[in-house]
PDB file of N, CA and C in Angstrom:
ATOM      1  N   MET A   1     -34.134  24.880 -90.991  1.00  0.00           N
ATOM      2  CA  MET A   1     -35.314  24.254 -90.392  1.00  0.00           C
ATOM      3  C   MET A   1     -36.514  24.459 -91.319  1.00  0.00           C
ATOM      4  N   LEU A   2     -37.272  23.407 -91.521  1.00  0.00           N
ATOM      5  CA  LEU A   2     -38.455  23.492 -92.383  1.00  0.00           C
ATOM      6  C   LEU A   2     -39.648  24.030 -91.603  1.00  0.00           C
ATOM      7  N   THR A   3     -40.442  24.834 -92.272  1.00  0.00           N
ATOM      8  CA  THR A   3     -41.692  25.259 -91.648  1.00  0.00           C
ATOM      9  C   THR A   3     -42.662  24.090 -91.706  1.00  0.00           C
ATOM     10  N   GLY A   4     -43.790  24.171 -91.048  1.00  0.00           N
ATOM     11  CA  GLY A   4     -44.782  23.099 -91.053  1.00  0.00           C
ATOM     12  C   GLY A   4     -45.231  22.741 -92.455  1.00  0.00           C
ATOM     13  N   ALA A   5     -45.520  23.747 -93.273  1.00  0.00           N
ATOM     14  CA  ALA A   5     -45.979  23.508 -94.647  1.00  0.00           C
ATOM     15  C   ALA A   5     -44.875  22.861 -95.473  1.00  0.00           C
ATOM     16  N   GLN A   6     -43.636  23.332 -95.312  1.00  0.00           N
ATOM     17  CA  GLN A   6     -42.521  22.754 -96.064  1.00  0.00           C
ATOM     18  C   GLN A   6     -42.273  21.305 -95.645  1.00  0.00           C
ATOM     19  N   ALA A   7     -42.368  21.028 -94.366  1.00  0.00           N
ATOM     20  CA  ALA A   7     -42.156  19.658 -93.879  1.00  0.00           C
ATOM     21  C   ALA A   7     -43.219  18.731 -94.462  1.00  0.00           C
ATOM     22  N   LYS A   8     -44.468  19.190 -94.494  1.00  0.00           N
ATOM     23  CA  LYS A   8     -45.536  18.357 -95.044  1.00  0.00           C
ATOM     24  C   LYS A   8     -45.291  18.102 -96.530  1.00  0.00           C
ATOM     25  N   GLN A   9     -44.856  19.121 -97.256  1.00  0.00           N
ATOM     26  CA  GLN A   9     -44.580  18.951 -98.677  1.00  0.00           C
ATOM     27  C   GLN A   9     -43.384  18.024 -98.884  1.00  0.00           C
ATOM     28  N   ALA A  10     -42.379  18.101 -98.017  1.00  0.00           N
ATOM     29  CA  ALA A  10     -41.209  17.232 -98.138  1.00  0.00           C
ATOM     30  C   ALA A  10     -41.605  15.783 -97.910  1.00  0.00           C
ATOM     31  N   ASP A  11     -42.598  15.548 -97.061  1.00  0.00           N
ATOM     32  CA  ASP A  11     -43.050  14.196 -96.752  1.00  0.00           C
ATOM     33  C   ASP A  11     -43.794  13.536 -97.914  1.00  0.00           C
ATOM     34  N   ILE A  12     -44.217  14.297 -98.910  1.00  0.00           N
ATOM     35  CA  ILE A  12     -45.007  13.745-100.014  1.00  0.00           C
ATOM     36  C   ILE A  12     -44.265  12.588-100.683  1.00  0.00           C
ATOM     37  N   VAL A  13     -42.960  12.678-100.806  1.00  0.00           N
ATOM     38  CA  VAL A  13     -42.180  11.618-101.448  1.00  0.00           C
ATOM     39  C   VAL A  13     -42.250  10.336-100.617  1.00  0.00           C
ATOM     40  N   ASN A  14     -42.040  10.455 -99.306  1.00  0.00           N
ATOM     41  CA  ASN A  14     -42.129   9.279 -98.433  1.00  0.00           C
ATOM     42  C   ASN A  14     -43.547   8.715 -98.439  1.00  0.00           C
ATOM     43  N   ASP A  15     -44.530   9.602 -98.432  1.00  0.00           N
ATOM     44  CA  ASP A  15     -45.934   9.155 -98.477  1.00  0.00           C
ATOM     45  C   ASP A  15     -46.194   8.344 -99.744  1.00  0.00           C
ATOM     46  N   LEU A  16     -45.725   8.840-100.881  1.00  0.00           N
ATOM     47  CA  LEU A  16     -45.955   8.144-102.149  1.00  0.00           C
ATOM     48  C   LEU A  16     -45.270   6.778-102.174  1.00  0.00           C
ATOM     49  N   ALA A  17     -44.070   6.693-101.603  1.00  0.00           N
ATOM     50  CA  ALA A  17     -43.376   5.399-101.532  1.00  0.00           C
ATOM     51  C   ALA A  17     -44.220   4.411-100.721  1.00  0.00           C
ATOM     52  N   GLY A  18     -44.750   4.863 -99.592  1.00  0.00           N
ATOM     53  CA  GLY A  18     -45.588   3.996 -98.766  1.00  0.00           C
ATOM     54  C   GLY A  18     -46.861   3.575 -99.479  1.00  0.00           C
ATOM     55  N   LEU A  19     -47.459   4.503-100.223  1.00  0.00           N
ATOM     56  CA  LEU A  19     -48.688   4.196-100.961  1.00  0.00           C
ATOM     57  C   LEU A  19     -48.420   3.214-102.103  1.00  0.00           C
ATOM     58  N   LEU A  20     -47.262   3.333-102.740  1.00  0.00           N
ATOM     59  CA  LEU A  20     -46.898   2.365-103.782  1.00  0.00           C
ATOM     60  C   LEU A  20     -46.719   0.979-103.175  1.00  0.00           C
ATOM     61  N   LYS A  21     -46.057   0.916-102.020  1.00  0.00           N
ATOM     62  CA  LYS A  21     -45.814  -0.375-101.370  1.00  0.00           C
ATOM     63  C   LYS A  21     -47.127  -1.093-101.059  1.00  0.00           C
ATOM     64  N   THR A  22     -48.143  -0.327-100.662  1.00  0.00           N
ATOM     65  CA  THR A  22     -49.428  -0.930-100.296  1.00  0.00           C
ATOM     66  C   THR A  22     -50.423  -0.952-101.465  1.00  0.00           C
ATOM     67  N   SER A  23     -49.958  -0.549-102.646  1.00  0.00           N
ATOM     68  CA  SER A  23     -50.809  -0.505-103.857  1.00  0.00           C
ATOM     69  C   SER A  23     -52.053   0.351-103.670  1.00  0.00           C
ATOM     70  N   ASN A  24     -51.947   1.413-102.895  1.00  0.00           N
ATOM     71  CA  ASN A  24     -53.097   2.278-102.615  1.00  0.00           C
ATOM     72  C   ASN A  24     -53.255   3.315-103.734  1.00  0.00           C
ATOM     73  N   THR A  25     -53.767   2.843-104.867  1.00  0.00           N
ATOM     74  CA  THR A  25     -53.888   3.722-106.039  1.00  0.00           C
ATOM     75  C   THR A  25     -54.927   4.814-105.829  1.00  0.00           C
ATOM     76  N   ARG A  26     -55.932   4.549-105.034  1.00  0.00           N
ATOM     77  CA  ARG A  26     -56.947   5.583-104.774  1.00  0.00           C
ATOM     78  C   ARG A  26     -56.292   6.791-104.100  1.00  0.00           C
ATOM     79  N   GLU A  27     -55.452   6.526-103.105  1.00  0.00           N
ATOM     80  CA  GLU A  27     -54.784   7.623-102.394  1.00  0.00           C
ATOM     81  C   GLU A  27     -53.718   8.278-103.277  1.00  0.00           C
ATOM     82  N   ILE A  28     -53.002   7.476-104.052  1.00  0.00           N
ATOM     83  CA  ILE A  28     -52.000   8.046-104.973  1.00  0.00           C
ATOM     84  C   ILE A  28     -52.683   8.991-105.946  1.00  0.00           C
ATOM     85  N   SER A  29     -53.843   8.587-106.464  1.00  0.00           N
ATOM     86  CA  SER A  29     -54.541   9.409-107.463  1.00  0.00           C
ATOM     87  C   SER A  29     -54.977  10.759-106.897  1.00  0.00           C
ATOM     88  N   GLN A  30     -55.105  10.851-105.579  1.00  0.00           N
ATOM     89  CA  GLN A  30     -55.442  12.137-104.959  1.00  0.00           C
ATOM     90  C   GLN A  30     -54.312  13.155-105.148  1.00  0.00           C
ATOM     91  N   HIS A  31     -53.120  12.649-105.472  1.00  0.00           N
ATOM     92  CA  HIS A  31     -51.959  13.512-105.684  1.00  0.00           C
ATOM     93  C   HIS A  31     -51.674  13.743-107.161  1.00  0.00           C
ATOM     94  N   PHE A  32     -52.516  13.204-108.051  1.00  0.00           N
ATOM     95  CA  PHE A  32     -52.341  13.432-109.482  1.00  0.00           C
ATOM     96  C   PHE A  32     -52.815  14.834-109.857  1.00  0.00           C
ATOM     97  N   ALA A  33     -52.110  15.450-110.816  1.00  0.00           N
ATOM     98  CA  ALA A  33     -52.598  16.683-111.430  1.00  0.00           C
ATOM     99  C   ALA A  33     -53.802  16.306-112.294  1.00  0.00           C
ATOM    100  N   SER A  34     -54.488  17.282-112.879  1.00  0.00           N
ATOM    101  CA  SER A  34     -55.680  16.976-113.679  1.00  0.00           C
ATOM    102  C   SER A  34     -55.341  16.072-114.869  1.00  0.00           C
ATOM    103  N   THR A  35     -54.136  16.230-115.419  1.00  0.00           N
ATOM    104  CA  THR A  35     -53.639  15.281-116.415  1.00  0.00           C
ATOM    105  C   THR A  35     -52.247  14.835-115.980  1.00  0.00           C
ATOM    106  N   VAL A  36     -51.940  13.568-116.275  1.00  0.00           N
ATOM    107  CA  VAL A  36     -50.684  12.974-115.825  1.00  0.00           C
ATOM    108  C   VAL A  36     -50.021  12.277-117.003  1.00  0.00           C
ATOM    109  N   GLU A  37     -48.743  12.557-117.208  1.00  0.00           N
ATOM    110  CA  GLU A  37     -47.993  11.789-118.195  1.00  0.00           C
ATOM    111  C   GLU A  37     -47.559  10.509-117.499  1.00  0.00           C
ATOM    112  N   LEU A  38     -48.052   9.396-118.003  1.00  0.00           N
ATOM    113  CA  LEU A  38     -47.805   8.100-117.378  1.00  0.00           C
ATOM    114  C   LEU A  38     -47.042   7.223-118.363  1.00  0.00           C
ATOM    115  N   ILE A  39     -45.867   6.778-117.929  1.00  0.00           N
ATOM    116  CA  ILE A  39     -45.035   5.909-118.752  1.00  0.00           C
ATOM    117  C   ILE A  39     -44.831   4.631-117.947  1.00  0.00           C
ATOM    118  N   ILE A  40     -45.470   3.550-118.379  1.00  0.00           N
ATOM    119  CA  ILE A  40     -45.313   2.275-117.691  1.00  0.00           C
ATOM    120  C   ILE A  40     -44.771   1.280-118.697  1.00  0.00           C
ATOM    121  N   LEU A  41     -43.527   0.851-118.443  1.00  0.00           N
ATOM    122  CA  LEU A  41     -42.784  -0.027-119.343  1.00  0.00           C
ATOM    123  C   LEU A  41     -42.766   0.611-120.732  1.00  0.00           C
ATOM    124  N   ASN A  42     -43.429   0.063-121.718  1.00  0.00           N
ATOM    125  CA  ASN A  42     -43.349   0.640-123.063  1.00  0.00           C
ATOM    126  C   ASN A  42     -44.579   1.444-123.454  1.00  0.00           C
ATOM    127  N   GLU A  43     -45.513   1.627-122.542  1.00  0.00           N
ATOM    128  CA  GLU A  43     -46.732   2.394-122.818  1.00  0.00           C
ATOM    129  C   GLU A  43     -46.566   3.811-122.284  1.00  0.00           C
ATOM    130  N   GLU A  44     -46.819   4.787-123.130  1.00  0.00           N
ATOM    131  CA  GLU A  44     -46.668   6.183-122.720  1.00  0.00           C
ATOM    132  C   GLU A  44     -47.809   7.008-123.287  1.00  0.00           C
ATOM    133  N   ASP A  45     -48.430   7.805-122.411  1.00  0.00           N
ATOM    134  CA  ASP A  45     -49.487   8.703-122.865  1.00  0.00           C
ATOM    135  C   ASP A  45     -49.802   9.688-121.752  1.00  0.00           C
ATOM    136  N   VAL A  46     -50.627  10.651-122.060  1.00  0.00           N
ATOM    137  CA  VAL A  46     -51.131  11.600-121.068  1.00  0.00           C
ATOM    138  C   VAL A  46     -52.565  11.202-120.758  1.00  0.00           C
ATOM    139  N   TYR A  47     -52.853  11.045-119.475  1.00  0.00           N
ATOM    140  CA  TYR A  47     -54.158  10.541-119.044  1.00  0.00           C
ATOM    141  C   TYR A  47     -54.807  11.493-118.039  1.00  0.00           C
ATOM    142  N   SER A  48     -56.122  11.362-117.920  1.00  0.00           N
ATOM    143  CA  SER A  48     -56.830  12.054-116.849  1.00  0.00           C
ATOM    144  C   SER A  48     -56.482  11.362-115.538  1.00  0.00           C
ATOM    145  N   LYS A  49     -56.825  12.000-114.417  1.00  0.00           N
ATOM    146  CA  LYS A  49     -56.580  11.394-113.098  1.00  0.00           C
ATOM    147  C   LYS A  49     -57.206  10.013-113.003  1.00  0.00           C
ATOM    148  N   VAL A  50     -58.445   9.884-113.451  1.00  0.00           N
ATOM    149  CA  VAL A  50     -59.185   8.619-113.345  1.00  0.00           C
ATOM    150  C   VAL A  50     -58.528   7.541-114.201  1.00  0.00           C
ATOM    151  N   GLN A  51     -58.194   7.881-115.450  1.00  0.00           N
ATOM    152  CA  GLN A  51     -57.547   6.914-116.338  1.00  0.00           C
ATOM    153  C   GLN A  51     -56.203   6.475-115.764  1.00  0.00           C
ATOM    154  N   ALA A  52     -55.423   7.436-115.260  1.00  0.00           N
ATOM    155  CA  ALA A  52     -54.099   7.127-114.710  1.00  0.00           C
ATOM    156  C   ALA A  52     -54.226   6.198-113.502  1.00  0.00           C
ATOM    157  N   GLU A  53     -55.226   6.430-112.661  1.00  0.00           N
ATOM    158  CA  GLU A  53     -55.425   5.550-111.505  1.00  0.00           C
ATOM    159  C   GLU A  53     -55.717   4.121-111.955  1.00  0.00           C
ATOM    160  N   ILE A  54     -56.575   3.952-112.964  1.00  0.00           N
ATOM    161  CA  ILE A  54     -56.940   2.620-113.463  1.00  0.00           C
ATOM    162  C   ILE A  54     -55.707   1.904-114.023  1.00  0.00           C
ATOM    163  N   ILE A  55     -54.897   2.605-114.793  1.00  0.00           N
ATOM    164  CA  ILE A  55     -53.711   2.005-115.405  1.00  0.00           C
ATOM    165  C   ILE A  55     -52.685   1.631-114.341  1.00  0.00           C
ATOM    166  N   LEU A  56     -52.478   2.521-113.366  1.00  0.00           N
ATOM    167  CA  LEU A  56     -51.542   2.232-112.281  1.00  0.00           C
ATOM    168  C   LEU A  56     -52.025   1.045-111.446  1.00  0.00           C
ATOM    169  N   LYS A  57     -53.330   1.009-111.174  1.00  0.00           N
ATOM    170  CA  LYS A  57     -53.898  -0.103-110.400  1.00  0.00           C
ATOM    171  C   LYS A  57     -53.685  -1.429-111.136  1.00  0.00           C
ATOM    172  N   ASP A  58     -53.899  -1.423-112.441  1.00  0.00           N
ATOM    173  CA  ASP A  58     -53.698  -2.624-113.243  1.00  0.00           C
ATOM    174  C   ASP A  58     -52.242  -3.097-113.147  1.00  0.00           C
ATOM    175  N   PHE A  59     -51.299  -2.169-113.264  1.00  0.00           N
ATOM    176  CA  PHE A  59     -49.880  -2.520-113.158  1.00  0.00           C
ATOM    177  C   PHE A  59     -49.569  -3.124-111.788  1.00  0.00           C
ATOM    178  N   LEU A  60     -50.032  -2.476-110.720  1.00  0.00           N
ATOM    179  CA  LEU A  60     -49.718  -2.949-109.372  1.00  0.00           C
ATOM    180  C   LEU A  60     -50.419  -4.269-109.045  1.00  0.00           C
ATOM    181  N   ASN A  61     -51.562  -4.531-109.676  1.00  0.00           N
ATOM    182  CA  ASN A  61     -52.220  -5.834-109.503  1.00  0.00           C
ATOM    183  C   ASN A  61     -51.402  -6.943-110.162  1.00  0.00           C
ATOM    184  N   LYS A  62     -50.797  -6.621-111.300  1.00  0.00           N
ATOM    185  CA  LYS A  62     -49.988  -7.608-112.026  1.00  0.00           C
ATOM    186  C   LYS A  62     -48.625  -7.810-111.376  1.00  0.00           C
ATOM    187  N   HIS A  63     -48.123  -6.777-110.728  1.00  0.00           N
ATOM    188  CA  HIS A  63     -46.788  -6.799-110.105  1.00  0.00           C
ATOM    189  C   HIS A  63     -46.944  -6.400-108.631  1.00  0.00           C
ATOM    190  N   GLN A  64     -47.318  -7.361-107.790  1.00  0.00           N
ATOM    191  CA  GLN A  64     -47.584  -7.093-106.379  1.00  0.00           C
ATOM    192  C   GLN A  64     -46.335  -6.567-105.662  1.00  0.00           C
ATOM    193  N   PRO A  65     -46.397  -5.340-105.125  1.00  0.00           N
ATOM    194  CA  PRO A  65     -45.237  -4.766-104.428  1.00  0.00           C
ATOM    195  C   PRO A  65     -44.920  -5.499-103.119  1.00  0.00           C
ATOM    196  N   LYS A  66     -43.609  -5.666-102.874  1.00  0.00           N
ATOM    197  CA  LYS A  66     -43.132  -6.198-101.605  1.00  0.00           C
ATOM    198  C   LYS A  66     -42.537  -5.072-100.768  1.00  0.00           C
ATOM    199  N   SER A  67     -41.889  -4.118-101.441  1.00  0.00           N
ATOM    200  CA  SER A  67     -41.326  -2.968-100.736  1.00  0.00           C
ATOM    201  C   SER A  67     -41.147  -1.812-101.712  1.00  0.00           C
ATOM    202  N   ALA A  68     -41.024  -0.629-101.154  1.00  0.00           N
ATOM    203  CA  ALA A  68     -40.760   0.586-101.942  1.00  0.00           C
ATOM    204  C   ALA A  68     -39.797   1.436-101.135  1.00  0.00           C
ATOM    205  N   ARG A  69     -38.726   1.876-101.779  1.00  0.00           N
ATOM    206  CA  ARG A  69     -37.680   2.610-101.077  1.00  0.00           C
ATOM    207  C   ARG A  69     -37.266   3.823-101.901  1.00  0.00           C
ATOM    208  N   VAL A  70     -37.262   4.989-101.271  1.00  0.00           N
ATOM    209  CA  VAL A  70     -36.810   6.213-101.937  1.00  0.00           C
ATOM    210  C   VAL A  70     -35.294   6.122-102.073  1.00  0.00           C
ATOM    211  N   ILE A  71     -34.798   6.163-103.315  1.00  0.00           N
ATOM    212  CA  ILE A  71     -33.350   6.086-103.516  1.00  0.00           C
ATOM    213  C   ILE A  71     -32.750   7.422-103.971  1.00  0.00           C
ATOM    214  N   HIS A  72     -33.600   8.335-104.395  1.00  0.00           N
ATOM    215  CA  HIS A  72     -33.116   9.665-104.781  1.00  0.00           C
ATOM    216  C   HIS A  72     -34.277  10.648-104.683  1.00  0.00           C
ATOM    217  N   ARG A  73     -33.967  11.851-104.250  1.00  0.00           N
ATOM    218  CA  ARG A  73     -34.990  12.898-104.214  1.00  0.00           C
ATOM    219  C   ARG A  73     -34.350  14.236-104.510  1.00  0.00           C
ATOM    220  N   LEU A  74     -35.154  15.086-105.124  1.00  0.00           N
ATOM    221  CA  LEU A  74     -34.748  16.457-105.400  1.00  0.00           C
ATOM    222  C   LEU A  74     -35.850  17.336-104.839  1.00  0.00           C
ATOM    223  N   ASP A  75     -35.528  18.086-103.799  1.00  0.00           N
ATOM    224  CA  ASP A  75     -36.552  18.965-103.218  1.00  0.00           C
ATOM    225  C   ASP A  75     -35.989  20.339-102.866  1.00  0.00           C
ATOM    226  N   SER A  76     -34.925  20.755-103.588  1.00  0.00           N
ATOM    227  CA  SER A  76     -34.334  22.066-103.339  1.00  0.00           C
ATOM    228  C   SER A  76     -35.108  23.194-104.017  1.00  0.00           C
ATOM    229  N   ASN A  77     -35.864  22.876-105.065  1.00  0.00           N
ATOM    230  CA  ASN A  77     -36.659  23.879-105.765  1.00  0.00           C
ATOM    231  C   ASN A  77     -38.013  24.003-105.056  1.00  0.00           C
ATOM    232  N   PRO A  78     -38.417  25.209-104.658  1.00  0.00           N
ATOM    233  CA  PRO A  78     -39.667  25.355-103.903  1.00  0.00           C
ATOM    234  C   PRO A  78     -40.931  25.005-104.684  1.00  0.00           C
ATOM    235  N   SER A  79     -40.848  24.928-106.021  1.00  0.00           N
ATOM    236  CA  SER A  79     -42.065  24.646-106.788  1.00  0.00           C
ATOM    237  C   SER A  79     -42.005  23.320-107.544  1.00  0.00           C
ATOM    238  N   TYR A  80     -40.998  22.493-107.248  1.00  0.00           N
ATOM    239  CA  TYR A  80     -40.826  21.242-107.984  1.00  0.00           C
ATOM    240  C   TYR A  80     -40.244  20.172-107.065  1.00  0.00           C
ATOM    241  N   ARG A  81     -40.733  18.954-107.188  1.00  0.00           N
ATOM    242  CA  ARG A  81     -40.183  17.812-106.469  1.00  0.00           C
ATOM    243  C   ARG A  81     -39.957  16.695-107.483  1.00  0.00           C
ATOM    244  N   PHE A  82     -38.913  15.919-107.242  1.00  0.00           N
ATOM    245  CA  PHE A  82     -38.612  14.773-108.094  1.00  0.00           C
ATOM    246  C   PHE A  82     -38.131  13.655-107.197  1.00  0.00           C
ATOM    247  N   ALA A  83     -38.569  12.443-107.478  1.00  0.00           N
ATOM    248  CA  ALA A  83     -38.158  11.311-106.654  1.00  0.00           C
ATOM    249  C   ALA A  83     -37.951  10.076-107.515  1.00  0.00           C
ATOM    250  N   VAL A  84     -37.015   9.265-107.073  1.00  0.00           N
ATOM    251  CA  VAL A  84     -36.812   7.947-107.660  1.00  0.00           C
ATOM    252  C   VAL A  84     -37.084   6.944-106.548  1.00  0.00           C
ATOM    253  N   ILE A  85     -38.011   6.046-106.819  1.00  0.00           N
ATOM    254  CA  ILE A  85     -38.413   5.040-105.829  1.00  0.00           C
ATOM    255  C   ILE A  85     -38.154   3.660-106.427  1.00  0.00           C
ATOM    256  N   GLU A  86     -37.422   2.842-105.672  1.00  0.00           N
ATOM    257  CA  GLU A  86     -37.191   1.467-106.095  1.00  0.00           C
ATOM    258  C   GLU A  86     -38.374   0.646-105.602  1.00  0.00           C
ATOM    259  N   LEU A  87     -39.075   0.036-106.540  1.00  0.00           N
ATOM    260  CA  LEU A  87     -40.256  -0.764-106.224  1.00  0.00           C
ATOM    261  C   LEU A  87     -39.895  -2.232-106.419  1.00  0.00           C
ATOM    262  N   ASP A  88     -39.833  -2.962-105.310  1.00  0.00           N
ATOM    263  CA  ASP A  88     -39.519  -4.389-105.360  1.00  0.00           C
ATOM    264  C   ASP A  88     -40.840  -5.149-105.365  1.00  0.00           C
ATOM    265  N   THR A  89     -41.051  -5.943-106.411  1.00  0.00           N
ATOM    266  CA  THR A  89     -42.322  -6.660-106.556  1.00  0.00           C
ATOM    267  C   THR A  89     -42.070  -8.164-106.612  1.00  0.00           C
ATOM    268  N   GLU A  90     -43.149  -8.911-106.648  1.00  0.00           N
ATOM    269  CA  GLU A  90     -43.067 -10.372-106.796  1.00  0.00           C
ATOM    270  C   GLU A  90     -42.358 -10.750-108.087  1.00  0.00           C
ATOM    271  N   ASP A  91     -42.383  -9.854-109.088  1.00  0.00           N
ATOM    272  CA  ASP A  91     -41.818 -10.124-110.413  1.00  0.00           C
ATOM    273  C   ASP A  91     -40.468  -9.460-110.651  1.00  0.00           C
ATOM    274  N   GLY A  92     -39.877  -8.887-109.623  1.00  0.00           N
ATOM    275  CA  GLY A  92     -38.598  -8.208-109.786  1.00  0.00           C
ATOM    276  C   GLY A  92     -38.689  -6.743-109.400  1.00  0.00           C
ATOM    277  N   LYS A  93     -37.596  -6.030-109.651  1.00  0.00           N
ATOM    278  CA  LYS A  93     -37.514  -4.625-109.240  1.00  0.00           C
ATOM    279  C   LYS A  93     -37.831  -3.684-110.398  1.00  0.00           C
ATOM    280  N   PHE A  94     -38.514  -2.602-110.035  1.00  0.00           N
ATOM    281  CA  PHE A  94     -38.843  -1.548-110.983  1.00  0.00           C
ATOM    282  C   PHE A  94     -38.331  -0.222-110.445  1.00  0.00           C
ATOM    283  N   ARG A  95     -37.924   0.648-111.356  1.00  0.00           N
ATOM    284  CA  ARG A  95     -37.493   2.006-111.016  1.00  0.00           C
ATOM    285  C   ARG A  95     -38.676   2.919-111.326  1.00  0.00           C
ATOM    286  N   THR A  96     -39.138   3.610-110.314  1.00  0.00           N
ATOM    287  CA  THR A  96     -40.277   4.513-110.461  1.00  0.00           C
ATOM    288  C   THR A  96     -39.788   5.943-110.261  1.00  0.00           C
ATOM    289  N   THR A  97     -39.999   6.790-111.257  1.00  0.00           N
ATOM    290  CA  THR A  97     -39.650   8.201-111.107  1.00  0.00           C
ATOM    291  C   THR A  97     -40.936   9.021-111.111  1.00  0.00           C
ATOM    292  N   ILE A  98     -40.962   9.996-110.221  1.00  0.00           N
ATOM    293  CA  ILE A  98     -42.160  10.823-110.052  1.00  0.00           C
ATOM    294  C   ILE A  98     -41.756  12.291-110.068  1.00  0.00           C
ATOM    295  N   SER A  99     -42.431  13.059-110.906  1.00  0.00           N
ATOM    296  CA  SER A  99     -42.242  14.512-110.955  1.00  0.00           C
ATOM    297  C   SER A  99     -43.495  15.171-110.403  1.00  0.00           C
ATOM    298  N   LEU A 100     -43.293  16.132-109.490  1.00  0.00           N
ATOM    299  CA  LEU A 100     -44.413  16.852-108.881  1.00  0.00           C
ATOM    300  C   LEU A 100     -44.183  18.347-109.030  1.00  0.00           C
ATOM    301  N   LYS A 101     -45.258  19.067-109.315  1.00  0.00           N
ATOM    302  CA  LYS A 101     -45.190  20.531-109.404  1.00  0.00           C
ATOM    303  C   LYS A 101     -46.127  21.142-108.374  1.00  0.00           C
ATOM    304  N   ASP A 102     -45.690  22.272-107.842  1.00  0.00           N
ATOM    305  CA  ASP A 102     -46.506  23.007-106.876  1.00  0.00           C
ATOM    306  C   ASP A 102     -47.658  23.663-107.623  1.00  0.00           C
ATOM    307  N   THR A 103     -48.867  23.282-107.263  1.00  0.00           N
ATOM    308  CA  THR A 103     -50.065  23.835-107.882  1.00  0.00           C
ATOM    309  C   THR A 103     -50.926  24.410-106.764  1.00  0.00           C
ATOM    310  N   GLY A 104     -50.875  25.715-106.606  1.00  0.00           N
ATOM    311  CA  GLY A 104     -51.684  26.348-105.567  1.00  0.00           C
ATOM    312  C   GLY A 104     -51.307  25.914-104.162  1.00  0.00           C
ATOM    313  N   GLY A 105     -50.003  25.743-103.898  1.00  0.00           N
ATOM    314  CA  GLY A 105     -49.553  25.381-102.560  1.00  0.00           C
ATOM    315  C   GLY A 105     -49.589  23.887-102.274  1.00  0.00           C
ATOM    316  N   ARG A 106     -49.859  23.078-103.281  1.00  0.00           N
ATOM    317  CA  ARG A 106     -49.940  21.626-103.099  1.00  0.00           C
ATOM    318  C   ARG A 106     -49.169  20.944-104.230  1.00  0.00           C
ATOM    319  N   PHE A 107     -48.315  20.000-103.883  1.00  0.00           N
ATOM    320  CA  PHE A 107     -47.557  19.288-104.906  1.00  0.00           C
ATOM    321  C   PHE A 107     -48.411  18.204-105.538  1.00  0.00           C
ATOM    322  N   LEU A 108     -48.488  18.252-106.878  1.00  0.00           N
ATOM    323  CA  LEU A 108     -49.270  17.270-107.625  1.00  0.00           C
ATOM    324  C   LEU A 108     -48.378  16.558-108.630  1.00  0.00           C
ATOM    325  N   ILE A 109     -48.644  15.274-108.833  1.00  0.00           N
ATOM    326  CA  ILE A 109     -47.867  14.457-109.758  1.00  0.00           C
ATOM    327  C   ILE A 109     -48.231  14.842-111.188  1.00  0.00           C
ATOM    328  N   THR A 110     -47.224  15.250-111.956  1.00  0.00           N
ATOM    329  CA  THR A 110     -47.431  15.579-113.363  1.00  0.00           C
ATOM    330  C   THR A 110     -46.886  14.479-114.271  1.00  0.00           C
ATOM    331  N   GLU A 111     -45.935  13.698-113.740  1.00  0.00           N
ATOM    332  CA  GLU A 111     -45.378  12.596-114.521  1.00  0.00           C
ATOM    333  C   GLU A 111     -44.988  11.451-113.610  1.00  0.00           C
ATOM    334  N   MET A 112     -45.307  10.241-114.047  1.00  0.00           N
ATOM    335  CA  MET A 112     -44.881   9.042-113.331  1.00  0.00           C
ATOM    336  C   MET A 112     -44.371   8.047-114.368  1.00  0.00           C
ATOM    337  N   ARG A 113     -43.176   7.531-114.103  1.00  0.00           N
ATOM    338  CA  ARG A 113     -42.548   6.579-115.025  1.00  0.00           C
ATOM    339  C   ARG A 113     -42.176   5.330-114.232  1.00  0.00           C
ATOM    340  N   ILE A 114     -42.578   4.167-114.755  1.00  0.00           N
ATOM    341  CA  ILE A 114     -42.208   2.894-114.137  1.00  0.00           C
ATOM    342  C   ILE A 114     -41.510   2.062-115.197  1.00  0.00           C
ATOM    343  N   GLU A 115     -40.273   1.684-114.915  1.00  0.00           N
ATOM    344  CA  GLU A 115     -39.501   0.892-115.858  1.00  0.00           C
ATOM    345  C   GLU A 115     -38.736  -0.206-115.121  1.00  0.00           C
ATOM    346  N   PHE A 116     -38.302  -1.218-115.843  1.00  0.00           N
ATOM    347  CA  PHE A 116     -37.523  -2.276-115.222  1.00  0.00           C
ATOM    348  C   PHE A 116     -36.249  -1.677-114.638  1.00  0.00           C
ATOM    349  N   ASP A 117     -35.890  -2.118-113.439  1.00  0.00           N
ATOM    350  CA  ASP A 117     -34.654  -1.671-112.822  1.00  0.00           C
ATOM    351  C   ASP A 117     -33.495  -2.272-113.613  1.00  0.00           C
ATOM    352  N   LYS A 118     -32.531  -1.460-113.958  1.00  0.00           N
ATOM    353  CA  LYS A 118     -31.432  -1.915-114.809  1.00  0.00           C
ATOM    354  C   LYS A 118     -30.365  -2.689-114.043  1.00  0.00           C
ATOM    355  N   GLU A 119     -30.450  -2.681-112.721  1.00  0.00           N
ATOM    356  CA  GLU A 119     -29.422  -3.385-111.919  1.00  0.00           C
ATOM    357  C   GLU A 119     -29.711  -4.851-111.832  1.00  0.00           C
TER     358      GLU A 119
END
């Protein structure tokens, strides 16, 4: 059985999937670490929270999400979370992977990768 804090942390993956579906980059950015490794298609760099939000917003504006579904999650490690979210957009499907680390009792996104779905 999960404690209240563990249940809330486990929900972060579902929350992020919902935020991606609605293109809510402002809320997603609240879960970014101070710097985020962002890999979108062929662009890769480490960005500040603000820069990462702008780049993610630009991507989601160009590729309007229709749905987002968690297809894989790793939450057995108490200080690390990993998720794979299938993002179905007007332009096709993308595979989104998100790595989160526990920072002071709160999971923050340290890496986000968006690539074309290979299926």
